[in-house]
Amino acid sequence: MSQKDGFGSGFLLGTIVGGVVGGVLGTVLASRWENSAEDETISDSVAETKRSKRRQMRSAASEDIEMESARRSLEDKIAQLNATIDEVRDQLGSVNGTSPKKPENSLSQDS
């Protein structure tokens, strides 16, 4: 009969100790798992940030080249338009019987 009395108290003590040990062990493992997941997330975000910066640097360099090319193209077109405007002005001047070279302050003569 003495074995049965010791069994109940030992079982109860084992359950309590096992619950405490399991709870502590579960908490420690869960915190490590969360930290490793956070570390992976952080390392992934750092890697993505580095990739993003590299892309930005590459795109900034290619944008600079594209901007320079567009600027040169526009300057060439402006020069062509100015030459065409000068030709048309000369043609219209000879058609209207006026001199091809007009003073630039022609508005001041009207007032």
PDB file of N, CA and C in Angstrom:
ATOM      1  N   MET A   1       0.793  -1.175   0.000  1.00  0.00           N
ATOM      2  CA  MET A   1       0.000   0.000   0.000  1.00  0.00           C
ATOM      3  C   MET A   1       0.846   1.254   0.000  1.00  0.00           C
ATOM      4  N   SER A   2       2.021   1.195   0.564  1.00  0.00           N
ATOM      5  CA  SER A   2       2.888   2.356   0.627  1.00  0.00           C
ATOM      6  C   SER A   2       3.371   2.749  -0.775  1.00  0.00           C
ATOM      7  N   GLN A   3       3.448   1.789  -1.672  1.00  0.00           N
ATOM      8  CA  GLN A   3       3.854   2.113  -3.031  1.00  0.00           C
ATOM      9  C   GLN A   3       2.788   2.937  -3.738  1.00  0.00           C
ATOM     10  N   LYS A   4       1.562   2.678  -3.467  1.00  0.00           N
ATOM     11  CA  LYS A   4       0.487   3.431  -4.111  1.00  0.00           C
ATOM     12  C   LYS A   4       0.448   4.864  -3.613  1.00  0.00           C
ATOM     13  N   ASP A   5       0.742   5.106  -2.369  1.00  0.00           N
ATOM     14  CA  ASP A   5       0.743   6.475  -1.843  1.00  0.00           C
ATOM     15  C   ASP A   5       1.888   7.274  -2.425  1.00  0.00           C
ATOM     16  N   GLY A   6       3.042   6.668  -2.580  1.00  0.00           N
ATOM     17  CA  GLY A   6       4.198   7.351  -3.160  1.00  0.00           C
ATOM     18  C   GLY A   6       4.009   7.625  -4.651  1.00  0.00           C
ATOM     19  N   PHE A   7       3.257   6.757  -5.322  1.00  0.00           N
ATOM     20  CA  PHE A   7       3.015   6.914  -6.749  1.00  0.00           C
ATOM     21  C   PHE A   7       2.247   8.199  -7.046  1.00  0.00           C
ATOM     22  N   GLY A   8       1.223   8.473  -6.289  1.00  0.00           N
ATOM     23  CA  GLY A   8       0.398   9.660  -6.528  1.00  0.00           C
ATOM     24  C   GLY A   8       1.166  10.942  -6.313  1.00  0.00           C
ATOM     25  N   SER A   9       1.907  11.022  -5.241  1.00  0.00           N
ATOM     26  CA  SER A   9       2.671  12.251  -4.980  1.00  0.00           C
ATOM     27  C   SER A   9       3.822  12.387  -5.982  1.00  0.00           C
ATOM     28  N   GLY A  10       4.459  11.295  -6.375  1.00  0.00           N
ATOM     29  CA  GLY A  10       5.539  11.340  -7.379  1.00  0.00           C
ATOM     30  C   GLY A  10       5.006  11.739  -8.750  1.00  0.00           C
ATOM     31  N   PHE A  11       3.836  11.190  -9.072  1.00  0.00           N
ATOM     32  CA  PHE A  11       3.209  11.537 -10.344  1.00  0.00           C
ATOM     33  C   PHE A  11       2.881  13.023 -10.408  1.00  0.00           C
ATOM     34  N   LEU A  12       2.318  13.542  -9.313  1.00  0.00           N
ATOM     35  CA  LEU A  12       1.971  14.956  -9.239  1.00  0.00           C
ATOM     36  C   LEU A  12       3.220  15.824  -9.324  1.00  0.00           C
ATOM     37  N   LEU A  13       4.257  15.463  -8.584  1.00  0.00           N
ATOM     38  CA  LEU A  13       5.515  16.219  -8.611  1.00  0.00           C
ATOM     39  C   LEU A  13       6.151  16.141  -9.998  1.00  0.00           C
ATOM     40  N   GLY A  14       6.131  15.014 -10.647  1.00  0.00           N
ATOM     41  CA  GLY A  14       6.688  14.846 -11.988  1.00  0.00           C
ATOM     42  C   GLY A  14       5.934  15.670 -13.026  1.00  0.00           C
ATOM     43  N   THR A  15       4.629  15.721 -12.873  1.00  0.00           N
ATOM     44  CA  THR A  15       3.816  16.520 -13.788  1.00  0.00           C
ATOM     45  C   THR A  15       4.152  18.002 -13.662  1.00  0.00           C
ATOM     46  N   ILE A  16       4.279  18.471 -12.439  1.00  0.00           N
ATOM     47  CA  ILE A  16       4.586  19.890 -12.214  1.00  0.00           C
ATOM     48  C   ILE A  16       5.985  20.220 -12.732  1.00  0.00           C
ATOM     49  N   VAL A  17       6.965  19.399 -12.355  1.00  0.00           N
ATOM     50  CA  VAL A  17       8.343  19.644 -12.812  1.00  0.00           C
ATOM     51  C   VAL A  17       8.425  19.538 -14.328  1.00  0.00           C
ATOM     52  N   GLY A  18       7.795  18.555 -14.898  1.00  0.00           N
ATOM     53  CA  GLY A  18       7.808  18.401 -16.356  1.00  0.00           C
ATOM     54  C   GLY A  18       7.149  19.573 -17.063  1.00  0.00           C
ATOM     55  N   GLY A  19       6.052  20.067 -16.483  1.00  0.00           N
ATOM     56  CA  GLY A  19       5.386  21.232 -17.077  1.00  0.00           C
ATOM     57  C   GLY A  19       6.266  22.469 -17.032  1.00  0.00           C
ATOM     58  N   VAL A  20       6.956  22.681 -15.900  1.00  0.00           N
ATOM     59  CA  VAL A  20       7.846  23.843 -15.766  1.00  0.00           C
ATOM     60  C   VAL A  20       9.022  23.722 -16.731  1.00  0.00           C
ATOM     61  N   VAL A  21       9.668  22.554 -16.748  1.00  0.00           N
ATOM     62  CA  VAL A  21      10.811  22.346 -17.647  1.00  0.00           C
ATOM     63  C   VAL A  21      10.374  22.478 -19.109  1.00  0.00           C
ATOM     64  N   GLY A  22       9.261  21.892 -19.452  1.00  0.00           N
ATOM     65  CA  GLY A  22       8.757  21.988 -20.833  1.00  0.00           C
ATOM     66  C   GLY A  22       8.410  23.412 -21.212  1.00  0.00           C
ATOM     67  N   GLY A  23       7.821  24.145 -20.270  1.00  0.00           N
ATOM     68  CA  GLY A  23       7.477  25.537 -20.545  1.00  0.00           C
ATOM     69  C   GLY A  23       8.708  26.394 -20.766  1.00  0.00           C
ATOM     70  N   VAL A  24       9.706  26.218 -19.892  1.00  0.00           N
ATOM     71  CA  VAL A  24      10.956  26.984 -20.039  1.00  0.00           C
ATOM     72  C   VAL A  24      11.652  26.607 -21.334  1.00  0.00           C
ATOM     73  N   LEU A  25      11.755  25.322 -21.606  1.00  0.00           N
ATOM     74  CA  LEU A  25      12.410  24.869 -22.828  1.00  0.00           C
ATOM     75  C   LEU A  25      11.665  25.374 -24.078  1.00  0.00           C
ATOM     76  N   GLY A  26      10.354  25.308 -24.051  1.00  0.00           N
ATOM     77  CA  GLY A  26       9.557  25.813 -25.174  1.00  0.00           C
ATOM     78  C   GLY A  26       9.741  27.307 -25.382  1.00  0.00           C
ATOM     79  N   THR A  27       9.803  28.062 -24.293  1.00  0.00           N
ATOM     80  CA  THR A  27       9.994  29.513 -24.392  1.00  0.00           C
ATOM     81  C   THR A  27      11.360  29.843 -24.977  1.00  0.00           C
ATOM     82  N   VAL A  28      12.394  29.152 -24.502  1.00  0.00           N
ATOM     83  CA  VAL A  28      13.753  29.402 -25.003  1.00  0.00           C
ATOM     84  C   VAL A  28      13.846  29.055 -26.484  1.00  0.00           C
ATOM     85  N   LEU A  29      13.330  27.911 -26.869  1.00  0.00           N
ATOM     86  CA  LEU A  29      13.390  27.512 -28.277  1.00  0.00           C
ATOM     87  C   LEU A  29      12.562  28.438 -29.168  1.00  0.00           C
ATOM     88  N   ALA A  30      11.419  28.850 -28.685  1.00  0.00           N
ATOM     89  CA  ALA A  30      10.575  29.749 -29.479  1.00  0.00           C
ATOM     90  C   ALA A  30      11.256  31.104 -29.678  1.00  0.00           C
ATOM     91  N   SER A  31      11.905  31.622 -28.631  1.00  0.00           N
ATOM     92  CA  SER A  31      12.572  32.917 -28.779  1.00  0.00           C
ATOM     93  C   SER A  31      13.757  32.812 -29.739  1.00  0.00           C
ATOM     94  N   ARG A  32      14.484  31.687 -29.682  1.00  0.00           N
ATOM     95  CA  ARG A  32      15.583  31.496 -30.631  1.00  0.00           C
ATOM     96  C   ARG A  32      15.059  31.389 -32.054  1.00  0.00           C
ATOM     97  N   TRP A  33      13.966  30.691 -32.235  1.00  0.00           N
ATOM     98  CA  TRP A  33      13.388  30.528 -33.566  1.00  0.00           C
ATOM     99  C   TRP A  33      12.914  31.879 -34.113  1.00  0.00           C
ATOM    100  N   GLU A  34      12.292  32.693 -33.258  1.00  0.00           N
ATOM    101  CA  GLU A  34      11.836  34.019 -33.684  1.00  0.00           C
ATOM    102  C   GLU A  34      13.022  34.903 -34.017  1.00  0.00           C
ATOM    103  N   ASN A  35      14.076  34.848 -33.197  1.00  0.00           N
ATOM    104  CA  ASN A  35      15.264  35.660 -33.462  1.00  0.00           C
ATOM    105  C   ASN A  35      15.927  35.251 -34.769  1.00  0.00           C
ATOM    106  N   SER A  36      15.990  33.953 -35.032  1.00  0.00           N
ATOM    107  CA  SER A  36      16.598  33.517 -36.288  1.00  0.00           C
ATOM    108  C   SER A  36      15.730  33.934 -37.473  1.00  0.00           C
ATOM    109  N   ALA A  37      14.416  33.885 -37.293  1.00  0.00           N
ATOM    110  CA  ALA A  37      13.525  34.343 -38.362  1.00  0.00           C
ATOM    111  C   ALA A  37      13.685  35.842 -38.580  1.00  0.00           C
ATOM    112  N   GLU A  38      13.823  36.596 -37.500  1.00  0.00           N
ATOM    113  CA  GLU A  38      14.032  38.040 -37.622  1.00  0.00           C
ATOM    114  C   GLU A  38      15.381  38.326 -38.269  1.00  0.00           C
ATOM    115  N   ASP A  39      16.412  37.570 -37.886  1.00  0.00           N
ATOM    116  CA  ASP A  39      17.728  37.738 -38.480  1.00  0.00           C
ATOM    117  C   ASP A  39      17.680  37.458 -39.977  1.00  0.00           C
ATOM    118  N   GLU A  40      16.957  36.406 -40.364  1.00  0.00           N
ATOM    119  CA  GLU A  40      16.818  36.109 -41.785  1.00  0.00           C
ATOM    120  C   GLU A  40      16.079  37.226 -42.493  1.00  0.00           C
ATOM    121  N   THR A  41      15.040  37.741 -41.850  1.00  0.00           N
ATOM    122  CA  THR A  41      14.283  38.841 -42.444  1.00  0.00           C
ATOM    123  C   THR A  41      15.157  40.068 -42.575  1.00  0.00           C
ATOM    124  N   ILE A  42      15.930  40.349 -41.536  1.00  0.00           N
ATOM    125  CA  ILE A  42      16.816  41.509 -41.569  1.00  0.00           C
ATOM    126  C   ILE A  42      17.887  41.323 -42.629  1.00  0.00           C
ATOM    127  N   SER A  43      18.494  40.144 -42.677  1.00  0.00           N
ATOM    128  CA  SER A  43      19.537  39.905 -43.681  1.00  0.00           C
ATOM    129  C   SER A  43      18.948  39.941 -45.087  1.00  0.00           C
ATOM    130  N   ASP A  44      17.731  39.447 -45.255  1.00  0.00           N
ATOM    131  CA  ASP A  44      17.075  39.529 -46.561  1.00  0.00           C
ATOM    132  C   ASP A  44      16.814  40.976 -46.941  1.00  0.00           C
ATOM    133  N   SER A  45      16.354  41.773 -45.973  1.00  0.00           N
ATOM    134  CA  SER A  45      16.068  43.173 -46.285  1.00  0.00           C
ATOM    135  C   SER A  45      17.350  43.943 -46.559  1.00  0.00           C
ATOM    136  N   VAL A  46      18.438  43.610 -45.847  1.00  0.00           N
ATOM    137  CA  VAL A  46      19.725  44.265 -46.103  1.00  0.00           C
ATOM    138  C   VAL A  46      20.213  43.896 -47.499  1.00  0.00           C
ATOM    139  N   ALA A  47      20.101  42.631 -47.850  1.00  0.00           N
ATOM    140  CA  ALA A  47      20.523  42.190 -49.183  1.00  0.00           C
ATOM    141  C   ALA A  47      19.678  42.858 -50.256  1.00  0.00           C
ATOM    142  N   GLU A  48      18.383  42.960 -50.027  1.00  0.00           N
ATOM    143  CA  GLU A  48      17.503  43.621 -50.997  1.00  0.00           C
ATOM    144  C   GLU A  48      17.841  45.106 -51.115  1.00  0.00           C
ATOM    145  N   THR A  49      18.180  45.738 -49.996  1.00  0.00           N
ATOM    146  CA  THR A  49      18.561  47.147 -50.024  1.00  0.00           C
ATOM    147  C   THR A  49      19.835  47.333 -50.837  1.00  0.00           C
ATOM    148  N   LYS A  50      20.801  46.430 -50.648  1.00  0.00           N
ATOM    149  CA  LYS A  50      22.037  46.525 -51.421  1.00  0.00           C
ATOM    150  C   LYS A  50      21.761  46.343 -52.903  1.00  0.00           C
ATOM    151  N   ARG A  51      20.911  45.354 -53.232  1.00  0.00           N
ATOM    152  CA  ARG A  51      20.557  45.138 -54.645  1.00  0.00           C
ATOM    153  C   ARG A  51      19.845  46.351 -55.214  1.00  0.00           C
ATOM    154  N   SER A  52      18.973  46.926 -54.422  1.00  0.00           N
ATOM    155  CA  SER A  52      18.221  48.091 -54.867  1.00  0.00           C
ATOM    156  C   SER A  52      19.150  49.270 -55.125  1.00  0.00           C
ATOM    157  N   LYS A  53      20.123  49.465 -54.234  1.00  0.00           N
ATOM    158  CA  LYS A  53      21.073  50.567 -54.427  1.00  0.00           C
ATOM    159  C   LYS A  53      21.914  50.352 -55.672  1.00  0.00           C
ATOM    160  N   ARG A  54      22.316  49.089 -55.919  1.00  0.00           N
ATOM    161  CA  ARG A  54      23.077  48.810 -57.134  1.00  0.00           C
ATOM    162  C   ARG A  54      22.247  49.112 -58.372  1.00  0.00           C
ATOM    163  N   ARG A  55      20.965  48.706 -58.331  1.00  0.00           N
ATOM    164  CA  ARG A  55      20.082  48.994 -59.474  1.00  0.00           C
ATOM    165  C   ARG A  55      19.933  50.494 -59.677  1.00  0.00           C
ATOM    166  N   GLN A  56      19.783  51.228 -58.576  1.00  0.00           N
ATOM    167  CA  GLN A  56      19.638  52.676 -58.672  1.00  0.00           C
ATOM    168  C   GLN A  56      20.887  53.310 -59.260  1.00  0.00           C
ATOM    169  N   MET A  57      22.057  52.815 -58.838  1.00  0.00           N
ATOM    170  CA  MET A  57      23.299  53.377 -59.376  1.00  0.00           C
ATOM    171  C   MET A  57      23.416  53.091 -60.867  1.00  0.00           C
ATOM    172  N   ARG A  58      23.067  51.854 -61.250  1.00  0.00           N
ATOM    173  CA  ARG A  58      23.113  51.519 -62.676  1.00  0.00           C
ATOM    174  C   ARG A  58      22.111  52.342 -63.464  1.00  0.00           C
ATOM    175  N   SER A  59      20.895  52.444 -62.925  1.00  0.00           N
ATOM    176  CA  SER A  59      19.872  53.193 -63.645  1.00  0.00           C
ATOM    177  C   SER A  59      20.210  54.673 -63.677  1.00  0.00           C
ATOM    178  N   ALA A  60      20.842  55.202 -62.615  1.00  0.00           N
ATOM    179  CA  ALA A  60      21.237  56.608 -62.608  1.00  0.00           C
ATOM    180  C   ALA A  60      22.295  56.853 -63.673  1.00  0.00           C
ATOM    181  N   ALA A  61      23.238  55.940 -63.819  1.00  0.00           N
ATOM    182  CA  ALA A  61      24.268  56.082 -64.844  1.00  0.00           C
ATOM    183  C   ALA A  61      23.652  56.008 -66.237  1.00  0.00           C
ATOM    184  N   SER A  62      22.742  55.068 -66.451  1.00  0.00           N
ATOM    185  CA  SER A  62      22.115  54.961 -67.764  1.00  0.00           C
ATOM    186  C   SER A  62      21.192  56.147 -68.026  1.00  0.00           C
ATOM    187  N   GLU A  63      20.548  56.670 -66.974  1.00  0.00           N
ATOM    188  CA  GLU A  63      19.714  57.856 -67.137  1.00  0.00           C
ATOM    189  C   GLU A  63      20.562  59.062 -67.507  1.00  0.00           C
ATOM    190  N   ASP A  64      21.758  59.184 -66.920  1.00  0.00           N
ATOM    191  CA  ASP A  64      22.649  60.285 -67.266  1.00  0.00           C
ATOM    192  C   ASP A  64      23.045  60.211 -68.732  1.00  0.00           C
ATOM    193  N   ILE A  65      23.345  59.014 -69.193  1.00  0.00           N
ATOM    194  CA  ILE A  65      23.722  58.841 -70.596  1.00  0.00           C
ATOM    195  C   ILE A  65      22.538  59.174 -71.496  1.00  0.00           C
ATOM    196  N   GLU A  66      21.350  58.693 -71.125  1.00  0.00           N
ATOM    197  CA  GLU A  66      20.153  58.979 -71.921  1.00  0.00           C
ATOM    198  C   GLU A  66      19.836  60.476 -71.927  1.00  0.00           C
ATOM    199  N   MET A  67      19.998  61.124 -70.775  1.00  0.00           N
ATOM    200  CA  MET A  67      19.726  62.563 -70.691  1.00  0.00           C
ATOM    201  C   MET A  67      20.699  63.351 -71.575  1.00  0.00           C
ATOM    202  N   GLU A  68      21.964  62.967 -71.543  1.00  0.00           N
ATOM    203  CA  GLU A  68      22.960  63.646 -72.364  1.00  0.00           C
ATOM    204  C   GLU A  68      22.647  63.452 -73.850  1.00  0.00           C
ATOM    205  N   SER A  69      22.262  62.233 -74.209  1.00  0.00           N
ATOM    206  CA  SER A  69      21.910  61.953 -75.600  1.00  0.00           C
ATOM    207  C   SER A  69      20.680  62.758 -76.022  1.00  0.00           C
ATOM    208  N   ALA A  70      19.683  62.821 -75.154  1.00  0.00           N
ATOM    209  CA  ALA A  70      18.476  63.593 -75.466  1.00  0.00           C
ATOM    210  C   ALA A  70      18.793  65.080 -75.575  1.00  0.00           C
ATOM    211  N   ARG A  71      19.663  65.569 -74.689  1.00  0.00           N
ATOM    212  CA  ARG A  71      20.031  66.990 -74.735  1.00  0.00           C
ATOM    213  C   ARG A  71      20.724  67.327 -76.046  1.00  0.00           C
ATOM    214  N   ARG A  72      21.656  66.476 -76.472  1.00  0.00           N
ATOM    215  CA  ARG A  72      22.356  66.722 -77.740  1.00  0.00           C
ATOM    216  C   ARG A  72      21.391  66.677 -78.921  1.00  0.00           C
ATOM    217  N   SER A  73      20.493  65.721 -78.884  1.00  0.00           N
ATOM    218  CA  SER A  73      19.517  65.607 -79.963  1.00  0.00           C
ATOM    219  C   SER A  73      18.638  66.860 -80.038  1.00  0.00           C
ATOM    220  N   LEU A  74      18.193  67.335 -78.868  1.00  0.00           N
ATOM    221  CA  LEU A  74      17.374  68.541 -78.852  1.00  0.00           C
ATOM    222  C   LEU A  74      18.151  69.766 -79.321  1.00  0.00           C
ATOM    223  N   GLU A  75      19.418  69.873 -78.945  1.00  0.00           N
ATOM    224  CA  GLU A  75      20.230  71.001 -79.414  1.00  0.00           C
ATOM    225  C   GLU A  75      20.365  70.980 -80.931  1.00  0.00           C
ATOM    226  N   ASP A  76      20.557  69.779 -81.505  1.00  0.00           N
ATOM    227  CA  ASP A  76      20.645  69.659 -82.960  1.00  0.00           C
ATOM    228  C   ASP A  76      19.335  70.084 -83.624  1.00  0.00           C
ATOM    229  N   LYS A  77      18.216  69.652 -83.051  1.00  0.00           N
ATOM    230  CA  LYS A  77      16.916  70.023 -83.628  1.00  0.00           C
ATOM    231  C   LYS A  77      16.659  71.518 -83.514  1.00  0.00           C
ATOM    232  N   ILE A  78      17.055  72.125 -82.414  1.00  0.00           N
ATOM    233  CA  ILE A  78      16.885  73.568 -82.239  1.00  0.00           C
ATOM    234  C   ILE A  78      17.729  74.323 -83.263  1.00  0.00           C
ATOM    235  N   ALA A  79      18.955  73.852 -83.505  1.00  0.00           N
ATOM    236  CA  ALA A  79      19.819  74.484 -84.504  1.00  0.00           C
ATOM    237  C   ALA A  79      19.189  74.366 -85.896  1.00  0.00           C
ATOM    238  N   GLN A  80      18.605  73.202 -86.209  1.00  0.00           N
ATOM    239  CA  GLN A  80      17.937  73.038 -87.503  1.00  0.00           C
ATOM    240  C   GLN A  80      16.736  73.967 -87.622  1.00  0.00           C
ATOM    241  N   LEU A  81      15.948  74.069 -86.555  1.00  0.00           N
ATOM    242  CA  LEU A  81      14.784  74.962 -86.588  1.00  0.00           C
ATOM    243  C   LEU A  81      15.203  76.418 -86.750  1.00  0.00           C
ATOM    244  N   ASN A  82      16.250  76.830 -86.061  1.00  0.00           N
ATOM    245  CA  ASN A  82      16.725  78.206 -86.197  1.00  0.00           C
ATOM    246  C   ASN A  82      17.192  78.489 -87.616  1.00  0.00           C
ATOM    247  N   ALA A  83      17.885  77.528 -88.219  1.00  0.00           N
ATOM    248  CA  ALA A  83      18.339  77.709 -89.601  1.00  0.00           C
ATOM    249  C   ALA A  83      17.137  77.796 -90.549  1.00  0.00           C
ATOM    250  N   THR A  84      16.150  76.953 -90.335  1.00  0.00           N
ATOM    251  CA  THR A  84      14.947  76.985 -91.178  1.00  0.00           C
ATOM    252  C   THR A  84      14.193  78.294 -90.996  1.00  0.00           C
ATOM    253  N   ILE A  85      14.074  78.768 -89.784  1.00  0.00           N
ATOM    254  CA  ILE A  85      13.399  80.058 -89.522  1.00  0.00           C
ATOM    255  C   ILE A  85      14.136  81.185 -90.215  1.00  0.00           C
ATOM    256  N   ASP A  86      15.469  81.185 -90.174  1.00  0.00           N
ATOM    257  CA  ASP A  86      16.245  82.225 -90.862  1.00  0.00           C
ATOM    258  C   ASP A  86      16.028  82.169 -92.372  1.00  0.00           C
ATOM    259  N   GLU A  87      15.965  80.972 -92.944  1.00  0.00           N
ATOM    260  CA  GLU A  87      15.730  80.833 -94.383  1.00  0.00           C
ATOM    261  C   GLU A  87      14.345  81.368 -94.759  1.00  0.00           C
ATOM    262  N   VAL A  88      13.333  81.010 -93.977  1.00  0.00           N
ATOM    263  CA  VAL A  88      11.966  81.460 -94.257  1.00  0.00           C
ATOM    264  C   VAL A  88      11.875  82.974 -94.101  1.00  0.00           C
ATOM    265  N   ARG A  89      12.520  83.504 -93.109  1.00  0.00           N
ATOM    266  CA  ARG A  89      12.522  84.960 -92.905  1.00  0.00           C
ATOM    267  C   ARG A  89      13.154  85.669 -94.104  1.00  0.00           C
ATOM    268  N   ASP A  90      14.272  85.129 -94.622  1.00  0.00           N
ATOM    269  CA  ASP A  90      14.921  85.710 -95.804  1.00  0.00           C
ATOM    270  C   ASP A  90      14.006  85.625 -97.019  1.00  0.00           C
ATOM    271  N   GLN A  91      13.329  84.467 -97.197  1.00  0.00           N
ATOM    272  CA  GLN A  91      12.419  84.315 -98.336  1.00  0.00           C
ATOM    273  C   GLN A  91      11.246  85.272 -98.221  1.00  0.00           C
ATOM    274  N   LEU A  92      10.658  85.394 -97.069  1.00  0.00           N
ATOM    275  CA  LEU A  92       9.518  86.289 -96.891  1.00  0.00           C
ATOM    276  C   LEU A  92       9.934  87.741 -97.040  1.00  0.00           C
ATOM    277  N   GLY A  93      11.114  88.055 -96.622  1.00  0.00           N
ATOM    278  CA  GLY A  93      11.604  89.420 -96.762  1.00  0.00           C
ATOM    279  C   GLY A  93      11.761  89.796 -98.226  1.00  0.00           C
ATOM    280  N   SER A  94      12.253  88.901 -99.052  1.00  0.00           N
ATOM    281  CA  SER A  94      12.423  89.195-100.471  1.00  0.00           C
ATOM    282  C   SER A  94      11.073  89.201-101.185  1.00  0.00           C
ATOM    283  N   VAL A  95      10.089  88.442-100.713  1.00  0.00           N
ATOM    284  CA  VAL A  95       8.761  88.415-101.321  1.00  0.00           C
ATOM    285  C   VAL A  95       8.022  89.712-101.002  1.00  0.00           C
ATOM    286  N   ASN A  96       8.099  90.188 -99.801  1.00  0.00           N
ATOM    287  CA  ASN A  96       7.392  91.391 -99.380  1.00  0.00           C
ATOM    288  C   ASN A  96       8.104  92.661 -99.809  1.00  0.00           C
ATOM    289  N   GLY A  97       9.289  92.555-100.355  1.00  0.00           N
ATOM    290  CA  GLY A  97      10.012  93.714-100.816  1.00  0.00           C
ATOM    291  C   GLY A  97      10.722  94.451 -99.694  1.00  0.00           C
ATOM    292  N   THR A  98      10.835  93.888 -98.566  1.00  0.00           N
ATOM    293  CA  THR A  98      11.558  94.528 -97.463  1.00  0.00           C
ATOM    294  C   THR A  98      12.949  93.938 -97.386  1.00  0.00           C
ATOM    295  N   SER A  99      13.798  94.622 -96.664  1.00  0.00           N
ATOM    296  CA  SER A  99      15.164  94.126 -96.540  1.00  0.00           C
ATOM    297  C   SER A  99      15.171  92.869 -95.662  1.00  0.00           C
ATOM    298  N   PRO A 100      16.032  91.933 -95.971  1.00  0.00           N
ATOM    299  CA  PRO A 100      16.040  90.695 -95.219  1.00  0.00           C
ATOM    300  C   PRO A 100      16.521  90.872 -93.767  1.00  0.00           C
ATOM    301  N   LYS A 101      17.304  91.904 -93.514  1.00  0.00           N
ATOM    302  CA  LYS A 101      17.785  92.132 -92.167  1.00  0.00           C
ATOM    303  C   LYS A 101      16.983  93.240 -91.520  1.00  0.00           C
ATOM    304  N   LYS A 102      16.102  92.895 -90.581  1.00  0.00           N
ATOM    305  CA  LYS A 102      15.292  93.858 -89.850  1.00  0.00           C
ATOM    306  C   LYS A 102      15.934  94.117 -88.501  1.00  0.00           C
ATOM    307  N   PRO A 103      15.780  95.320 -87.984  1.00  0.00           N
ATOM    308  CA  PRO A 103      16.270  95.548 -86.626  1.00  0.00           C
ATOM    309  C   PRO A 103      15.416  94.765 -85.638  1.00  0.00           C
ATOM    310  N   GLU A 104      16.043  94.324 -84.570  1.00  0.00           N
ATOM    311  CA  GLU A 104      15.334  93.504 -83.609  1.00  0.00           C
ATOM    312  C   GLU A 104      14.347  94.313 -82.772  1.00  0.00           C
ATOM    313  N   ASN A 105      14.501  95.600 -82.696  1.00  0.00           N
ATOM    314  CA  ASN A 105      13.608  96.443 -81.888  1.00  0.00           C
ATOM    315  C   ASN A 105      12.520  97.057 -82.772  1.00  0.00           C
ATOM    316  N   SER A 106      11.916  96.273 -83.637  1.00  0.00           N
ATOM    317  CA  SER A 106      10.887  96.787 -84.528  1.00  0.00           C
ATOM    318  C   SER A 106       9.631  97.155 -83.763  1.00  0.00           C
ATOM    319  N   LEU A 107       9.388  96.617 -82.606  1.00  0.00           N
ATOM    320  CA  LEU A 107       8.221  96.967 -81.803  1.00  0.00           C
ATOM    321  C   LEU A 107       8.327  98.371 -81.242  1.00  0.00           C
ATOM    322  N   SER A 108       9.511  98.837 -80.981  1.00  0.00           N
ATOM    323  CA  SER A 108       9.681 100.168 -80.397  1.00  0.00           C
ATOM    324  C   SER A 108       9.357 101.268 -81.405  1.00  0.00           C
ATOM    325  N   GLN A 109       9.377 100.989 -82.731  1.00  0.00           N
ATOM    326  CA  GLN A 109       9.058 101.979 -83.748  1.00  0.00           C
ATOM    327  C   GLN A 109       7.561 102.266 -83.795  1.00  0.00           C
ATOM    328  N   ASP A 110       6.726 101.268 -83.415  1.00  0.00           N
ATOM    329  CA  ASP A 110       5.282 101.455 -83.483  1.00  0.00           C
ATOM    330  C   ASP A 110       4.791 102.387 -82.387  1.00  0.00           C
ATOM    331  N   SER A 111       5.421 102.443 -81.258  1.00  0.00           N
ATOM    332  CA  SER A 111       4.913 103.235 -80.155  1.00  0.00           C
ATOM    333  C   SER A 111       5.409 104.638 -80.125  1.00  0.00           C
TER     334      SER A 111
END
